[in-house]
Amino acid sequence: MTFLQLVNRVLRRLRATEAAGVTSGYPELVAALVNDAKRDVEDSGPWYALRTTINKTLTPSAGSVSLTSETNDRSYLLYVKGLPQTFVTTADKEWRLDVIEKGEIDAIRALYPDADENVPTAVAFTRSADGLTAEFFPIPDLAYTVRFIMVVPQDDLEDKDDELTIPAAPVWTQALAFAAEERGEEMGTTVASLQRRADKALMDAMNADFLQDELTFEAQ
């Protein structure tokens, strides 16, 4: 569903005139509420549509690799059944990386400044406004290939033709609840009732999306 379609879906239920754009007047406010709702729904869990696989080749003797071209400031690593989805995938060196805090890697490097370079066994992530950076221990001795399965939320919708990535129903129903609360109107039903509908739409979408069979890379 496009940004404009989402906005008009809300406007219709507010008994307001449908819009041709999303950048002026009351539709602009509704558009902002749609993006607020989108963020809330995205934050509910690791939607399949937001998952992306990132493969990187590490540089020997370099302890970090930037993921900023593939991630944003809201991205995070996918976990499946409690297991982090990050791996060394170089032939004959295939295993799952442990995920630790950046401070732990700093402490290990400080305690063992002369530690030999080797196949990485642990990774930590640092976050900036541009996205994520991965840091490894041990520092790689060769050009290993690593794989990350990340959840990367969609940037705010801006153009009227921007397509929503995640399921639409929980987004527009939540935006409608936000709009009704902002207007202070009941429109034949209470804001609480609209919020209950939004919550149900979210749970239905989550059950349909998150309970699918997981397909993940297997490594020891």
N, C-alpha and C. Protein backbone atom coordinates (compact mmCIF):
# COMPACT_ATOMS: atom_id res chain seq x y z
N MET A 1 0.85 -1.20 0.00
CA MET A 1 0.00 0.00 0.00
C MET A 1 0.88 1.24 0.00
N THR A 2 0.52 2.27 -0.78
CA THR A 2 1.33 3.47 -0.86
C THR A 2 1.05 4.40 0.32
N PHE A 3 1.95 5.37 0.48
CA PHE A 3 1.79 6.37 1.53
C PHE A 3 0.45 7.10 1.37
N LEU A 4 0.15 7.52 0.15
CA LEU A 4 -1.10 8.25 -0.07
C LEU A 4 -2.32 7.37 0.21
N GLN A 5 -2.25 6.10 -0.16
CA GLN A 5 -3.37 5.20 0.12
C GLN A 5 -3.58 5.04 1.62
N LEU A 6 -2.51 4.96 2.37
CA LEU A 6 -2.62 4.86 3.83
C LEU A 6 -3.27 6.13 4.40
N VAL A 7 -2.80 7.28 3.94
CA VAL A 7 -3.35 8.54 4.43
C VAL A 7 -4.83 8.63 4.10
N ASN A 8 -5.21 8.29 2.89
CA ASN A 8 -6.61 8.37 2.49
C ASN A 8 -7.47 7.35 3.21
N ARG A 9 -6.91 6.19 3.53
CA ARG A 9 -7.66 5.21 4.31
C ARG A 9 -8.05 5.81 5.67
N VAL A 10 -7.11 6.54 6.28
CA VAL A 10 -7.40 7.20 7.56
C VAL A 10 -8.39 8.34 7.36
N LEU A 11 -8.17 9.16 6.33
CA LEU A 11 -9.05 10.31 6.10
C LEU A 11 -10.50 9.88 5.90
N ARG A 12 -10.71 8.81 5.16
CA ARG A 12 -12.07 8.33 4.92
C ARG A 12 -12.78 8.00 6.22
N ARG A 13 -12.06 7.37 7.12
CA ARG A 13 -12.67 6.97 8.39
C ARG A 13 -12.79 8.13 9.37
N LEU A 14 -12.10 9.22 9.07
CA LEU A 14 -12.29 10.45 9.83
C LEU A 14 -13.40 11.31 9.23
N ARG A 15 -14.02 10.80 8.14
CA ARG A 15 -15.05 11.52 7.41
C ARG A 15 -14.50 12.84 6.86
N ALA A 16 -13.26 12.78 6.43
CA ALA A 16 -12.59 13.94 5.83
C ALA A 16 -12.41 13.69 4.34
N THR A 17 -12.18 14.78 3.61
CA THR A 17 -11.99 14.68 2.17
C THR A 17 -10.67 13.99 1.85
N GLU A 18 -10.72 13.05 0.91
CA GLU A 18 -9.49 12.38 0.51
C GLU A 18 -8.54 13.38 -0.15
N ALA A 19 -7.24 13.05 -0.10
CA ALA A 19 -6.21 13.99 -0.55
C ALA A 19 -5.54 13.49 -1.82
N ALA A 20 -4.97 14.44 -2.56
CA ALA A 20 -4.18 14.11 -3.74
C ALA A 20 -2.69 14.06 -3.41
N GLY A 21 -2.33 14.56 -2.23
CA GLY A 21 -0.92 14.59 -1.81
C GLY A 21 -0.83 14.50 -0.30
N VAL A 22 0.40 14.51 0.19
CA VAL A 22 0.61 14.29 1.63
C VAL A 22 1.47 15.39 2.26
N THR A 23 1.60 16.53 1.59
CA THR A 23 2.56 17.53 2.04
C THR A 23 1.94 18.86 2.44
N SER A 24 0.62 18.93 2.53
CA SER A 24 0.02 20.19 2.93
C SER A 24 -1.32 19.95 3.60
N GLY A 25 -1.73 20.92 4.44
CA GLY A 25 -3.02 20.86 5.08
C GLY A 25 -3.16 19.71 6.07
N TYR A 26 -4.42 19.33 6.33
CA TYR A 26 -4.67 18.26 7.28
C TYR A 26 -4.07 16.93 6.84
N PRO A 27 -4.04 16.59 5.55
CA PRO A 27 -3.38 15.34 5.14
C PRO A 27 -1.91 15.26 5.58
N GLU A 28 -1.26 16.40 5.70
CA GLU A 28 0.14 16.38 6.14
C GLU A 28 0.24 15.90 7.59
N LEU A 29 -0.70 16.32 8.43
CA LEU A 29 -0.73 15.84 9.81
C LEU A 29 -1.01 14.35 9.85
N VAL A 30 -1.99 13.91 9.07
CA VAL A 30 -2.30 12.47 9.03
C VAL A 30 -1.09 11.69 8.53
N ALA A 31 -0.38 12.24 7.56
CA ALA A 31 0.82 11.58 7.06
C ALA A 31 1.85 11.39 8.17
N ALA A 32 2.01 12.42 9.01
CA ALA A 32 2.94 12.30 10.14
C ALA A 32 2.48 11.22 11.11
N LEU A 33 1.18 11.13 11.34
CA LEU A 33 0.65 10.09 12.23
C LEU A 33 0.84 8.70 11.63
N VAL A 34 0.73 8.58 10.32
CA VAL A 34 0.99 7.29 9.66
C VAL A 34 2.44 6.87 9.91
N ASN A 35 3.37 7.80 9.78
CA ASN A 35 4.77 7.45 10.05
C ASN A 35 5.01 7.11 11.51
N ASP A 36 4.32 7.81 12.42
CA ASP A 36 4.43 7.45 13.84
C ASP A 36 3.93 6.03 14.06
N ALA A 37 2.80 5.71 13.45
CA ALA A 37 2.23 4.37 13.59
C ALA A 37 3.16 3.33 12.96
N LYS A 38 3.72 3.65 11.81
CA LYS A 38 4.63 2.72 11.14
C LYS A 38 5.81 2.37 12.05
N ARG A 39 6.37 3.38 12.68
CA ARG A 39 7.50 3.13 13.57
C ARG A 39 7.09 2.23 14.74
N ASP A 40 5.92 2.51 15.33
CA ASP A 40 5.46 1.68 16.44
C ASP A 40 5.26 0.23 16.02
N VAL A 41 4.67 0.03 14.86
CA VAL A 41 4.45 -1.34 14.38
C VAL A 41 5.78 -2.01 14.07
N GLU A 42 6.70 -1.31 13.43
CA GLU A 42 8.02 -1.88 13.13
C GLU A 42 8.73 -2.29 14.41
N ASP A 43 8.56 -1.49 15.47
CA ASP A 43 9.23 -1.79 16.73
C ASP A 43 8.62 -2.97 17.47
N SER A 44 7.52 -3.50 16.95
CA SER A 44 6.86 -4.63 17.60
C SER A 44 7.60 -5.95 17.42
N GLY A 45 8.49 -6.02 16.43
CA GLY A 45 9.20 -7.27 16.24
C GLY A 45 9.89 -7.35 14.89
N PRO A 46 10.56 -8.48 14.64
CA PRO A 46 11.39 -8.64 13.43
C PRO A 46 10.58 -9.07 12.22
N TRP A 47 9.81 -8.16 11.63
CA TRP A 47 8.99 -8.49 10.47
C TRP A 47 9.83 -9.09 9.35
N TYR A 48 9.28 -10.09 8.70
CA TYR A 48 10.02 -10.75 7.62
C TYR A 48 10.43 -9.77 6.53
N ALA A 49 9.55 -8.83 6.22
CA ALA A 49 9.83 -7.89 5.14
C ALA A 49 10.99 -6.96 5.47
N LEU A 50 11.35 -6.85 6.75
CA LEU A 50 12.44 -5.96 7.15
C LEU A 50 13.77 -6.69 7.30
N ARG A 51 13.76 -8.00 7.12
CA ARG A 51 14.99 -8.77 7.31
C ARG A 51 15.84 -8.73 6.03
N THR A 52 17.12 -8.57 6.23
CA THR A 52 18.04 -8.55 5.10
C THR A 52 19.33 -9.27 5.47
N THR A 53 19.89 -9.99 4.52
CA THR A 53 21.16 -10.69 4.73
C THR A 53 22.30 -9.85 4.18
N ILE A 54 23.29 -9.64 5.03
CA ILE A 54 24.45 -8.83 4.66
C ILE A 54 25.68 -9.72 4.70
N ASN A 55 26.39 -9.80 3.60
CA ASN A 55 27.65 -10.53 3.54
C ASN A 55 28.81 -9.55 3.40
N LYS A 56 29.84 -9.74 4.21
CA LYS A 56 31.01 -8.87 4.19
C LYS A 56 32.27 -9.72 4.17
N THR A 57 33.29 -9.19 3.51
CA THR A 57 34.61 -9.82 3.55
C THR A 57 35.51 -8.97 4.44
N LEU A 58 36.04 -9.60 5.48
CA LEU A 58 36.87 -8.86 6.43
C LEU A 58 38.27 -8.63 5.86
N THR A 59 38.85 -7.51 6.24
CA THR A 59 40.21 -7.19 5.84
C THR A 59 41.18 -7.73 6.88
N PRO A 60 42.19 -8.49 6.49
CA PRO A 60 43.16 -9.00 7.46
C PRO A 60 43.74 -7.86 8.30
N SER A 61 43.86 -8.09 9.61
CA SER A 61 44.42 -7.15 10.58
C SER A 61 43.51 -5.96 10.87
N ALA A 62 42.31 -5.92 10.30
CA ALA A 62 41.34 -4.87 10.59
C ALA A 62 40.26 -5.44 11.50
N GLY A 63 40.05 -4.80 12.64
CA GLY A 63 39.15 -5.37 13.64
C GLY A 63 37.70 -4.99 13.50
N SER A 64 37.33 -4.22 12.49
CA SER A 64 35.94 -3.81 12.36
C SER A 64 35.54 -3.72 10.89
N VAL A 65 34.21 -3.70 10.67
CA VAL A 65 33.69 -3.53 9.32
C VAL A 65 32.42 -2.68 9.42
N SER A 66 32.26 -1.72 8.53
CA SER A 66 31.11 -0.84 8.54
C SER A 66 29.91 -1.50 7.86
N LEU A 67 28.75 -1.36 8.49
CA LEU A 67 27.49 -1.83 7.92
C LEU A 67 26.56 -0.66 7.62
N THR A 68 27.11 0.55 7.61
CA THR A 68 26.26 1.74 7.50
C THR A 68 25.59 1.87 6.14
N SER A 69 26.15 1.25 5.10
CA SER A 69 25.49 1.34 3.79
C SER A 69 24.30 0.40 3.68
N GLU A 70 24.19 -0.56 4.61
CA GLU A 70 23.09 -1.53 4.56
C GLU A 70 22.12 -1.38 5.73
N THR A 71 22.46 -0.58 6.75
CA THR A 71 21.63 -0.47 7.94
C THR A 71 21.30 1.00 8.21
N ASN A 72 20.50 1.23 9.23
CA ASN A 72 20.23 2.58 9.71
C ASN A 72 20.28 2.58 11.23
N ASP A 73 19.95 3.72 11.83
CA ASP A 73 20.13 3.84 13.28
C ASP A 73 19.14 3.02 14.08
N ARG A 74 18.13 2.41 13.44
CA ARG A 74 17.15 1.58 14.14
C ARG A 74 17.36 0.09 13.87
N SER A 75 18.39 -0.26 13.15
CA SER A 75 18.63 -1.65 12.76
C SER A 75 19.16 -2.48 13.93
N TYR A 76 18.92 -3.79 13.85
CA TYR A 76 19.45 -4.68 14.88
C TYR A 76 19.60 -6.09 14.30
N LEU A 77 20.43 -6.88 14.96
CA LEU A 77 20.69 -8.25 14.54
C LEU A 77 19.50 -9.14 14.87
N LEU A 78 19.14 -10.02 13.95
CA LEU A 78 18.07 -10.98 14.18
C LEU A 78 18.56 -12.10 15.09
N TYR A 79 17.71 -12.49 16.05
CA TYR A 79 17.91 -13.68 16.86
C TYR A 79 16.79 -14.66 16.54
N VAL A 80 17.12 -15.93 16.40
CA VAL A 80 16.13 -16.98 16.17
C VAL A 80 16.31 -18.04 17.25
N LYS A 81 15.24 -18.26 18.00
CA LYS A 81 15.28 -19.21 19.13
C LYS A 81 16.44 -18.88 20.07
N GLY A 82 16.66 -17.58 20.27
CA GLY A 82 17.69 -17.13 21.18
C GLY A 82 19.09 -17.13 20.62
N LEU A 83 19.25 -17.50 19.34
CA LEU A 83 20.58 -17.60 18.75
C LEU A 83 20.82 -16.44 17.78
N PRO A 84 21.96 -15.77 17.91
CA PRO A 84 22.26 -14.65 17.01
C PRO A 84 22.54 -15.13 15.60
N GLN A 85 21.98 -14.43 14.63
CA GLN A 85 22.12 -14.83 13.23
C GLN A 85 23.30 -14.09 12.59
N THR A 86 24.49 -14.45 13.07
CA THR A 86 25.72 -13.89 12.53
C THR A 86 26.77 -14.98 12.50
N PHE A 87 27.46 -15.13 11.36
CA PHE A 87 28.29 -16.31 11.12
C PHE A 87 29.56 -15.96 10.35
N VAL A 88 30.61 -16.73 10.60
CA VAL A 88 31.71 -16.83 9.65
C VAL A 88 31.31 -17.88 8.64
N THR A 89 31.37 -17.54 7.35
CA THR A 89 30.89 -18.47 6.32
C THR A 89 31.99 -18.89 5.36
N THR A 90 33.23 -18.54 5.65
CA THR A 90 34.34 -18.99 4.82
C THR A 90 34.41 -20.51 4.85
N ALA A 91 34.65 -21.13 3.70
CA ALA A 91 34.73 -22.59 3.62
C ALA A 91 35.72 -23.13 4.64
N ASP A 92 35.31 -24.20 5.34
CA ASP A 92 36.11 -24.87 6.37
C ASP A 92 36.27 -24.04 7.63
N LYS A 93 35.64 -22.87 7.71
CA LYS A 93 35.73 -22.03 8.92
C LYS A 93 34.33 -21.56 9.31
N GLU A 94 33.34 -22.43 9.15
CA GLU A 94 31.96 -22.00 9.29
C GLU A 94 31.47 -22.19 10.73
N TRP A 95 31.14 -21.07 11.39
CA TRP A 95 30.51 -21.17 12.71
C TRP A 95 29.80 -19.89 13.07
N ARG A 96 28.96 -20.02 14.10
CA ARG A 96 28.20 -18.88 14.59
C ARG A 96 29.08 -18.01 15.48
N LEU A 97 28.99 -16.72 15.31
CA LEU A 97 29.73 -15.79 16.15
C LEU A 97 28.95 -15.50 17.43
N ASP A 98 29.65 -15.43 18.56
CA ASP A 98 29.04 -14.96 19.79
C ASP A 98 28.88 -13.44 19.71
N VAL A 99 27.80 -12.93 20.25
CA VAL A 99 27.58 -11.48 20.28
C VAL A 99 27.84 -10.99 21.70
N ILE A 100 28.77 -10.06 21.85
CA ILE A 100 29.13 -9.52 23.14
C ILE A 100 29.06 -7.99 23.08
N GLU A 101 29.22 -7.35 24.21
CA GLU A 101 29.19 -5.90 24.27
C GLU A 101 30.51 -5.32 23.77
N LYS A 102 30.42 -4.12 23.21
CA LYS A 102 31.63 -3.45 22.74
C LYS A 102 32.64 -3.29 23.86
N GLY A 103 32.17 -3.00 25.07
CA GLY A 103 33.08 -2.86 26.20
C GLY A 103 33.86 -4.13 26.51
N GLU A 104 33.23 -5.29 26.25
CA GLU A 104 33.93 -6.56 26.48
C GLU A 104 35.08 -6.72 25.50
N ILE A 105 34.84 -6.38 24.22
CA ILE A 105 35.92 -6.47 23.24
C ILE A 105 37.04 -5.50 23.60
N ASP A 106 36.69 -4.28 24.02
CA ASP A 106 37.72 -3.32 24.42
C ASP A 106 38.54 -3.85 25.59
N ALA A 107 37.86 -4.49 26.56
CA ALA A 107 38.57 -5.01 27.72
C ALA A 107 39.49 -6.16 27.35
N ILE A 108 39.02 -7.05 26.47
CA ILE A 108 39.85 -8.18 26.04
C ILE A 108 41.08 -7.68 25.30
N ARG A 109 40.88 -6.71 24.42
CA ARG A 109 42.02 -6.18 23.67
C ARG A 109 43.01 -5.48 24.58
N ALA A 110 42.49 -4.83 25.64
CA ALA A 110 43.39 -4.16 26.59
C ALA A 110 44.16 -5.18 27.41
N LEU A 111 43.51 -6.28 27.78
CA LEU A 111 44.18 -7.31 28.58
C LEU A 111 45.17 -8.12 27.76
N TYR A 112 44.87 -8.30 26.49
CA TYR A 112 45.73 -9.12 25.62
C TYR A 112 46.11 -8.34 24.37
N PRO A 113 46.88 -7.28 24.54
CA PRO A 113 47.22 -6.44 23.38
C PRO A 113 48.03 -7.16 22.31
N ASP A 114 48.70 -8.23 22.71
CA ASP A 114 49.55 -8.97 21.77
C ASP A 114 48.89 -10.27 21.31
N ALA A 115 47.58 -10.37 21.49
CA ALA A 115 46.87 -11.59 21.09
C ALA A 115 47.03 -11.82 19.59
N ASP A 116 47.23 -13.08 19.23
CA ASP A 116 47.42 -13.41 17.82
C ASP A 116 46.13 -13.13 17.04
N GLU A 117 46.31 -12.69 15.80
CA GLU A 117 45.16 -12.60 14.90
C GLU A 117 44.73 -14.01 14.51
N ASN A 118 43.41 -14.17 14.33
CA ASN A 118 42.89 -15.51 14.09
C ASN A 118 41.49 -15.40 13.48
N VAL A 119 40.81 -16.54 13.38
CA VAL A 119 39.43 -16.53 12.92
C VAL A 119 38.56 -15.87 13.99
N PRO A 120 37.77 -14.85 13.67
CA PRO A 120 36.92 -14.21 14.67
C PRO A 120 35.93 -15.20 15.27
N THR A 121 35.73 -15.08 16.58
CA THR A 121 34.74 -15.91 17.28
C THR A 121 33.67 -15.07 17.95
N ALA A 122 33.88 -13.76 18.07
CA ALA A 122 32.91 -12.88 18.73
C ALA A 122 32.79 -11.57 17.97
N VAL A 123 31.61 -10.96 18.08
CA VAL A 123 31.36 -9.69 17.40
C VAL A 123 30.58 -8.79 18.35
N ALA A 124 30.83 -7.50 18.25
CA ALA A 124 30.05 -6.49 18.97
C ALA A 124 29.61 -5.43 17.98
N PHE A 125 28.52 -4.76 18.28
CA PHE A 125 27.98 -3.74 17.38
C PHE A 125 27.98 -2.38 18.06
N THR A 126 28.40 -1.37 17.32
CA THR A 126 28.25 0.01 17.76
C THR A 126 27.28 0.70 16.82
N ARG A 127 26.53 1.64 17.38
CA ARG A 127 25.46 2.28 16.65
C ARG A 127 25.74 3.77 16.50
N SER A 128 25.46 4.29 15.33
CA SER A 128 25.57 5.73 15.09
C SER A 128 24.33 6.19 14.33
N ALA A 129 24.26 7.47 14.03
CA ALA A 129 23.13 7.99 13.27
C ALA A 129 23.07 7.40 11.87
N ASP A 130 24.20 6.88 11.37
CA ASP A 130 24.27 6.33 10.02
C ASP A 130 24.00 4.83 9.95
N GLY A 131 24.03 4.14 11.10
CA GLY A 131 23.84 2.69 11.08
C GLY A 131 24.79 2.00 12.03
N LEU A 132 25.12 0.75 11.72
CA LEU A 132 25.90 -0.10 12.61
C LEU A 132 27.31 -0.34 12.10
N THR A 133 28.22 -0.57 13.04
CA THR A 133 29.56 -1.05 12.75
C THR A 133 29.80 -2.30 13.57
N ALA A 134 30.40 -3.32 12.96
CA ALA A 134 30.70 -4.56 13.67
C ALA A 134 32.18 -4.62 14.01
N GLU A 135 32.48 -5.00 15.25
CA GLU A 135 33.87 -5.15 15.70
C GLU A 135 34.08 -6.60 16.13
N PHE A 136 35.26 -7.14 15.81
CA PHE A 136 35.49 -8.57 15.96
C PHE A 136 36.63 -8.86 16.93
N PHE A 137 36.53 -10.03 17.55
CA PHE A 137 37.65 -10.60 18.31
C PHE A 137 37.65 -12.11 18.07
N PRO A 138 38.83 -12.67 17.82
CA PRO A 138 40.10 -11.98 17.55
C PRO A 138 40.03 -11.15 16.26
N ILE A 139 40.99 -10.24 16.14
CA ILE A 139 41.14 -9.52 14.88
C ILE A 139 41.47 -10.53 13.79
N PRO A 140 40.82 -10.45 12.63
CA PRO A 140 41.01 -11.49 11.60
C PRO A 140 42.43 -11.50 11.04
N ASP A 141 42.91 -12.73 10.82
CA ASP A 141 44.24 -12.88 10.22
C ASP A 141 44.16 -13.07 8.71
N LEU A 142 42.94 -13.39 8.21
CA LEU A 142 42.73 -13.58 6.78
C LEU A 142 41.46 -12.85 6.35
N ALA A 143 41.15 -12.91 5.07
CA ALA A 143 39.96 -12.22 4.53
C ALA A 143 38.74 -13.13 4.67
N TYR A 144 38.27 -13.30 5.89
CA TYR A 144 37.12 -14.16 6.13
C TYR A 144 35.83 -13.50 5.63
N THR A 145 34.89 -14.36 5.19
CA THR A 145 33.56 -13.89 4.84
C THR A 145 32.65 -14.07 6.05
N VAL A 146 31.89 -13.02 6.36
CA VAL A 146 30.94 -13.09 7.48
C VAL A 146 29.55 -12.74 6.97
N ARG A 147 28.56 -13.28 7.64
CA ARG A 147 27.16 -13.05 7.26
C ARG A 147 26.39 -12.56 8.47
N PHE A 148 25.58 -11.54 8.24
CA PHE A 148 24.68 -11.02 9.26
C PHE A 148 23.26 -11.06 8.70
N ILE A 149 22.31 -11.51 9.52
CA ILE A 149 20.90 -11.37 9.15
C ILE A 149 20.34 -10.27 10.05
N MET A 150 20.04 -9.14 9.45
CA MET A 150 19.67 -7.95 10.20
C MET A 150 18.19 -7.61 9.97
N VAL A 151 17.63 -6.92 10.94
CA VAL A 151 16.31 -6.31 10.79
C VAL A 151 16.54 -4.82 10.57
N VAL A 152 16.12 -4.33 9.42
CA VAL A 152 16.38 -2.94 9.03
C VAL A 152 15.04 -2.24 8.80
N PRO A 153 14.54 -1.48 9.79
CA PRO A 153 13.28 -0.77 9.61
C PRO A 153 13.34 0.20 8.43
N GLN A 154 12.21 0.35 7.78
CA GLN A 154 12.10 1.23 6.63
C GLN A 154 12.21 2.70 7.08
N ASP A 155 12.86 3.53 6.27
CA ASP A 155 12.88 4.96 6.54
C ASP A 155 11.46 5.51 6.50
N ASP A 156 11.25 6.68 7.11
CA ASP A 156 9.93 7.30 7.07
C ASP A 156 9.45 7.44 5.62
N LEU A 157 8.16 7.22 5.42
CA LEU A 157 7.56 7.44 4.12
C LEU A 157 7.51 8.94 3.85
N GLU A 158 7.84 9.34 2.62
CA GLU A 158 7.86 10.76 2.28
C GLU A 158 7.04 11.08 1.03
N ASP A 159 7.34 10.40 -0.06
CA ASP A 159 6.61 10.63 -1.30
C ASP A 159 5.28 9.89 -1.26
N LYS A 160 4.28 10.45 -1.91
CA LYS A 160 2.96 9.84 -1.88
C LYS A 160 2.94 8.44 -2.48
N ASP A 161 3.91 8.13 -3.35
CA ASP A 161 3.96 6.82 -4.00
C ASP A 161 4.88 5.84 -3.28
N ASP A 162 5.48 6.25 -2.16
CA ASP A 162 6.32 5.33 -1.39
C ASP A 162 5.48 4.14 -0.93
N GLU A 163 6.03 2.94 -1.10
CA GLU A 163 5.31 1.72 -0.72
C GLU A 163 5.68 1.29 0.69
N LEU A 164 4.69 1.00 1.50
CA LEU A 164 4.92 0.47 2.84
C LEU A 164 5.43 -0.96 2.75
N THR A 165 6.44 -1.29 3.54
CA THR A 165 7.04 -2.62 3.49
C THR A 165 6.31 -3.61 4.37
N ILE A 166 5.98 -3.21 5.58
CA ILE A 166 5.33 -4.11 6.53
C ILE A 166 3.83 -4.19 6.26
N PRO A 167 3.08 -5.10 6.93
CA PRO A 167 1.63 -5.18 6.72
C PRO A 167 0.95 -3.83 6.98
N ALA A 168 -0.04 -3.51 6.16
CA ALA A 168 -0.67 -2.19 6.20
C ALA A 168 -1.71 -2.05 7.30
N ALA A 169 -2.48 -3.10 7.59
CA ALA A 169 -3.63 -2.96 8.49
C ALA A 169 -3.25 -2.41 9.87
N PRO A 170 -2.20 -2.94 10.52
CA PRO A 170 -1.89 -2.37 11.82
C PRO A 170 -1.37 -0.94 11.76
N VAL A 171 -0.86 -0.53 10.62
CA VAL A 171 -0.34 0.84 10.50
C VAL A 171 -1.49 1.83 10.37
N TRP A 172 -2.41 1.60 9.42
CA TRP A 172 -3.45 2.61 9.24
C TRP A 172 -4.45 2.60 10.40
N THR A 173 -4.70 1.44 11.01
CA THR A 173 -5.61 1.43 12.16
C THR A 173 -5.00 2.15 13.36
N GLN A 174 -3.69 2.01 13.56
CA GLN A 174 -3.04 2.74 14.64
C GLN A 174 -3.01 4.24 14.34
N ALA A 175 -2.74 4.59 13.08
CA ALA A 175 -2.76 6.00 12.70
C ALA A 175 -4.16 6.60 12.90
N LEU A 176 -5.20 5.83 12.62
CA LEU A 176 -6.57 6.30 12.83
C LEU A 176 -6.82 6.57 14.32
N ALA A 177 -6.35 5.67 15.17
CA ALA A 177 -6.51 5.88 16.61
C ALA A 177 -5.77 7.13 17.06
N PHE A 178 -4.55 7.33 16.53
CA PHE A 178 -3.81 8.55 16.85
C PHE A 178 -4.57 9.78 16.40
N ALA A 179 -5.13 9.74 15.18
CA ALA A 179 -5.83 10.90 14.63
C ALA A 179 -7.10 11.20 15.42
N ALA A 180 -7.84 10.17 15.78
CA ALA A 180 -9.06 10.37 16.56
C ALA A 180 -8.73 10.97 17.92
N GLU A 181 -7.67 10.51 18.53
CA GLU A 181 -7.26 11.07 19.82
C GLU A 181 -6.85 12.53 19.66
N GLU A 182 -6.14 12.83 18.57
CA GLU A 182 -5.69 14.19 18.34
C GLU A 182 -6.87 15.13 18.11
N ARG A 183 -7.90 14.66 17.41
CA ARG A 183 -9.07 15.49 17.12
C ARG A 183 -10.02 15.57 18.30
N GLY A 184 -9.91 14.58 19.21
CA GLY A 184 -10.81 14.58 20.35
C GLY A 184 -12.23 14.25 19.98
N GLU A 185 -12.39 13.49 18.89
CA GLU A 185 -13.72 13.12 18.42
C GLU A 185 -13.92 11.62 18.54
N GLU A 186 -15.19 11.22 18.60
CA GLU A 186 -15.51 9.81 18.71
C GLU A 186 -15.94 9.20 17.39
N MET A 187 -16.48 9.99 16.46
CA MET A 187 -16.85 9.52 15.13
C MET A 187 -17.76 8.29 15.20
N GLY A 188 -18.66 8.26 16.19
CA GLY A 188 -19.56 7.12 16.32
C GLY A 188 -18.96 5.98 17.12
N THR A 189 -17.73 6.08 17.52
CA THR A 189 -17.10 5.07 18.35
C THR A 189 -16.04 5.75 19.20
N THR A 190 -15.61 5.12 20.26
CA THR A 190 -14.65 5.75 21.16
C THR A 190 -13.23 5.55 20.67
N VAL A 191 -12.34 6.45 21.13
CA VAL A 191 -10.92 6.29 20.80
C VAL A 191 -10.41 4.96 21.35
N ALA A 192 -10.88 4.58 22.54
CA ALA A 192 -10.46 3.31 23.12
C ALA A 192 -10.85 2.14 22.23
N SER A 193 -12.03 2.22 21.62
CA SER A 193 -12.47 1.16 20.72
C SER A 193 -11.58 1.11 19.48
N LEU A 194 -11.23 2.28 18.94
CA LEU A 194 -10.33 2.32 17.79
C LEU A 194 -8.97 1.75 18.15
N GLN A 195 -8.50 2.04 19.35
CA GLN A 195 -7.21 1.50 19.76
C GLN A 195 -7.27 -0.01 19.91
N ARG A 196 -8.39 -0.53 20.41
CA ARG A 196 -8.54 -1.99 20.51
C ARG A 196 -8.49 -2.63 19.13
N ARG A 197 -9.13 -1.98 18.14
CA ARG A 197 -9.08 -2.50 16.77
C ARG A 197 -7.65 -2.49 16.23
N ALA A 198 -6.92 -1.40 16.54
CA ALA A 198 -5.53 -1.32 16.10
C ALA A 198 -4.69 -2.41 16.76
N ASP A 199 -4.91 -2.64 18.05
CA ASP A 199 -4.15 -3.68 18.76
C ASP A 199 -4.45 -5.05 18.17
N LYS A 200 -5.72 -5.31 17.83
CA LYS A 200 -6.08 -6.59 17.24
C LYS A 200 -5.44 -6.75 15.86
N ALA A 201 -5.46 -5.68 15.07
CA ALA A 201 -4.84 -5.75 13.74
C ALA A 201 -3.35 -6.05 13.86
N LEU A 202 -2.71 -5.44 14.86
CA LEU A 202 -1.28 -5.70 15.08
C LEU A 202 -1.05 -7.15 15.48
N MET A 203 -1.83 -7.66 16.42
CA MET A 203 -1.63 -9.04 16.86
C MET A 203 -1.89 -10.03 15.73
N ASP A 204 -2.92 -9.78 14.93
CA ASP A 204 -3.21 -10.67 13.80
C ASP A 204 -2.04 -10.68 12.81
N ALA A 205 -1.50 -9.50 12.53
CA ALA A 205 -0.38 -9.42 11.59
C ALA A 205 0.86 -10.09 12.16
N MET A 206 1.11 -9.89 13.46
CA MET A 206 2.27 -10.52 14.09
C MET A 206 2.15 -12.04 14.07
N ASN A 207 0.97 -12.54 14.37
CA ASN A 207 0.77 -13.99 14.37
C ASN A 207 0.98 -14.57 12.98
N ALA A 208 0.53 -13.87 11.97
CA ALA A 208 0.70 -14.36 10.60
C ALA A 208 2.15 -14.28 10.15
N ASP A 209 2.88 -13.29 10.63
CA ASP A 209 4.23 -13.03 10.15
C ASP A 209 5.29 -13.76 10.97
N PHE A 210 5.25 -13.63 12.29
CA PHE A 210 6.33 -14.13 13.13
C PHE A 210 6.30 -15.64 13.32
N LEU A 211 5.14 -16.27 13.11
CA LEU A 211 5.04 -17.70 13.37
C LEU A 211 5.36 -18.55 12.14
N GLN A 212 5.86 -17.91 11.08
CA GLN A 212 6.29 -18.69 9.93
C GLN A 212 7.52 -19.51 10.31
N ASP A 213 7.75 -20.59 9.55
CA ASP A 213 8.95 -21.38 9.80
C ASP A 213 10.17 -20.53 9.55
N GLU A 214 11.14 -20.61 10.47
CA GLU A 214 12.36 -19.84 10.34
C GLU A 214 13.32 -20.55 9.38
N LEU A 215 13.88 -19.81 8.46
CA LEU A 215 14.89 -20.34 7.56
C LEU A 215 16.20 -19.61 7.85
N THR A 216 17.10 -20.25 8.54
CA THR A 216 18.34 -19.59 8.94
C THR A 216 19.54 -20.43 8.56
N PHE A 217 20.65 -19.77 8.45
CA PHE A 217 21.92 -20.44 8.16
C PHE A 217 22.32 -21.27 9.39
N GLU A 218 22.68 -22.52 9.18
CA GLU A 218 23.08 -23.38 10.30
C GLU A 218 24.60 -23.43 10.38
N ALA A 219 25.11 -23.16 11.56
CA ALA A 219 26.56 -23.22 11.77
C ALA A 219 26.83 -23.52 13.23
N GLN A 220 27.93 -24.15 13.51
CA GLN A 220 28.32 -24.47 14.88
C GLN A 220 29.35 -23.48 15.38
